Protein backbone atom coordinates (compact mmCIF):
# COMPACT_ATOMS: atom_id res chain seq x y z
CA MET A 1 -32.66 166.45 172.58
CA ALA A 2 -29.31 165.22 171.69
CA ALA A 3 -27.80 168.31 173.24
CA LYS A 4 -29.62 167.69 176.48
CA ASN A 5 -28.44 164.09 176.64
CA ASN A 6 -24.78 165.03 176.29
CA PRO A 7 -24.70 167.35 179.32
CA GLN A 8 -26.42 164.74 181.43
CA LYS A 9 -23.92 162.12 180.37
CA THR A 10 -21.03 164.39 181.18
CA MET A 11 -22.53 165.21 184.57
CA LYS A 12 -23.02 161.54 185.34
CA ALA A 13 -19.47 160.84 184.19
CA ALA A 14 -18.20 163.74 186.33
CA GLU A 15 -20.11 162.41 189.33
CA LYS A 16 -18.68 158.94 188.78
CA SER A 17 -15.20 160.24 188.08
CA PRO A 18 -14.46 161.52 191.61
CA SER A 19 -15.61 158.23 193.14
CA LEU A 20 -13.45 156.29 190.67
CA GLN A 21 -10.50 158.54 191.42
CA GLN A 22 -11.08 158.13 195.14
CA ASN A 23 -11.28 154.35 194.74
CA LEU A 24 -8.05 154.40 192.75
CA ILE A 25 -6.35 156.52 195.43
CA ASP A 26 -7.62 154.25 198.21
CA SER A 27 -6.45 151.16 196.35
CA ASN A 28 -3.04 152.74 195.76
CA VAL A 29 -2.70 153.61 199.47
CA LYS A 30 -3.70 150.07 200.49
CA LEU A 31 -1.20 148.66 198.00
CA GLN A 32 1.57 150.83 199.46
CA GLN A 33 0.64 149.70 202.99
CA LYS A 34 0.86 146.08 201.90
CA LEU A 35 4.25 146.75 200.31
CA ILE A 36 5.48 148.29 203.57
CA GLU A 37 4.21 145.23 205.51
CA LEU A 38 5.94 142.95 203.01
CA ILE A 39 9.23 144.84 203.36
CA GLU A 40 9.02 144.67 207.17
CA SER A 41 8.23 140.97 206.98
CA ASN A 42 11.22 140.42 204.67
CA ASN A 43 13.45 142.27 207.14
CA GLN A 44 12.28 140.00 209.96
CA VAL A 45 12.81 136.89 207.86
CA SER A 46 16.28 138.16 206.90
CA LYS A 47 17.18 138.66 210.57
CA GLN A 48 15.89 135.19 211.44
CA LEU A 49 17.86 133.64 208.58
CA SER A 50 20.98 135.46 209.72
CA SER A 51 20.47 134.18 213.26
CA THR A 52 19.83 130.65 212.00
CA SER A 53 22.91 130.83 209.80
CA LYS A 54 25.03 131.85 212.80
CA GLN A 55 23.62 128.99 214.86
CA ILE A 56 24.33 126.49 212.08
CA GLU A 57 27.88 127.83 211.80
CA ASP A 58 28.34 127.40 215.56
CA MET A 59 27.03 123.82 215.35
CA VAL A 60 29.38 123.01 212.47
CA ASN A 61 32.33 124.36 214.48
CA PHE A 62 31.19 122.34 217.50
CA PHE A 63 31.01 119.12 215.49
CA ARG A 64 34.36 119.88 213.86
CA GLU A 65 35.96 120.21 217.32
CA ALA A 66 34.18 117.07 218.52
CA GLY A 67 35.52 115.23 215.48
CA LYS A 68 39.06 116.23 216.40
CA TYR A 69 38.60 114.81 219.89
CA MET A 70 37.09 111.61 218.51
CA ILE A 71 40.15 111.11 216.33
CA ALA A 72 42.41 111.77 219.32
CA GLU A 73 40.39 109.28 221.37
CA ASN A 74 40.88 106.64 218.69
CA ASP A 75 44.64 107.28 218.73
CA ASP A 76 44.64 106.83 222.52
CA GLU A 77 42.75 103.57 222.11
CA ARG A 78 45.40 102.33 219.67
CA LEU A 79 48.19 103.33 222.03
CA LYS A 80 46.74 101.65 225.14
CA PRO A 81 48.29 98.20 224.45
CA LEU A 82 51.67 99.80 223.77
CA LEU A 83 51.41 101.90 226.94
CA GLY A 84 50.54 98.75 228.89
CA LYS A 85 53.62 96.96 227.58
CA ILE A 86 55.82 99.94 228.39
CA SER A 87 54.37 100.01 231.90
CA ASP A 88 55.19 96.30 232.31
CA LEU A 89 58.75 96.91 231.13
CA VAL A 90 59.15 99.77 233.61
CA GLU A 91 58.02 97.46 236.44
CA GLN A 92 60.45 94.77 235.30
CA ASN A 93 63.27 97.33 235.17
CA LYS A 94 62.41 98.42 238.71
CA THR A 95 62.61 94.83 239.91
CA ILE A 96 65.95 94.29 238.15
CA MET A 97 67.27 97.57 239.59
CA ARG A 98 66.27 96.52 243.12
CA GLY A 99 68.08 93.22 242.63
CA LEU A 100 71.21 94.96 241.37
CA ILE A 101 71.15 97.36 244.31
CA LEU A 102 70.87 94.44 246.74
CA VAL A 103 73.80 92.67 245.04
CA GLN A 104 75.87 95.87 245.21
CA LYS A 105 75.07 96.33 248.93
CA TYR A 106 75.97 92.72 249.59
CA MET A 107 79.26 93.09 247.77
CA LYS A 108 80.13 96.31 249.63
CA ALA A 109 79.32 94.73 252.98
CA GLY A 110 82.01 92.13 252.55
CA GLN A 111 83.63 90.11 249.88
CA PRO A 112 81.82 86.81 249.99
CA SER A 113 83.55 83.68 248.98
CA GLU A 114 82.50 81.90 245.84
CA HIS A 115 81.00 78.98 247.66
CA LYS A 116 78.62 81.29 249.55
CA LEU A 117 77.34 83.04 246.43
CA PHE A 118 77.10 79.96 244.29
CA PRO A 119 76.59 76.89 246.38
CA GLU A 120 77.01 73.67 244.44
């Protein structure tokens, strides 16, 4: 009877073996599909990170340029009082120049006597 039991056990094991092998093959195929999906997902994430990195770099450059203009604006603000004073001096020089031109025209027109220029 022992001999009869052994062939039955081997037959049962042989019947189970193909289904186990098939399950192992199916599991391996599913695992490979998941790996492919993971690789594709990583590629997409890598592209998105690259795009985001480029956008961040552009923003940093933008803020760097804006910072340069802010510094320049502050320098202009500091120079405004000085520019105002220079403008006042230019106007005063124009007035003095007009007066000198009038005196020169008056002197060329005729030599005035001292009592006419400087009445006492």
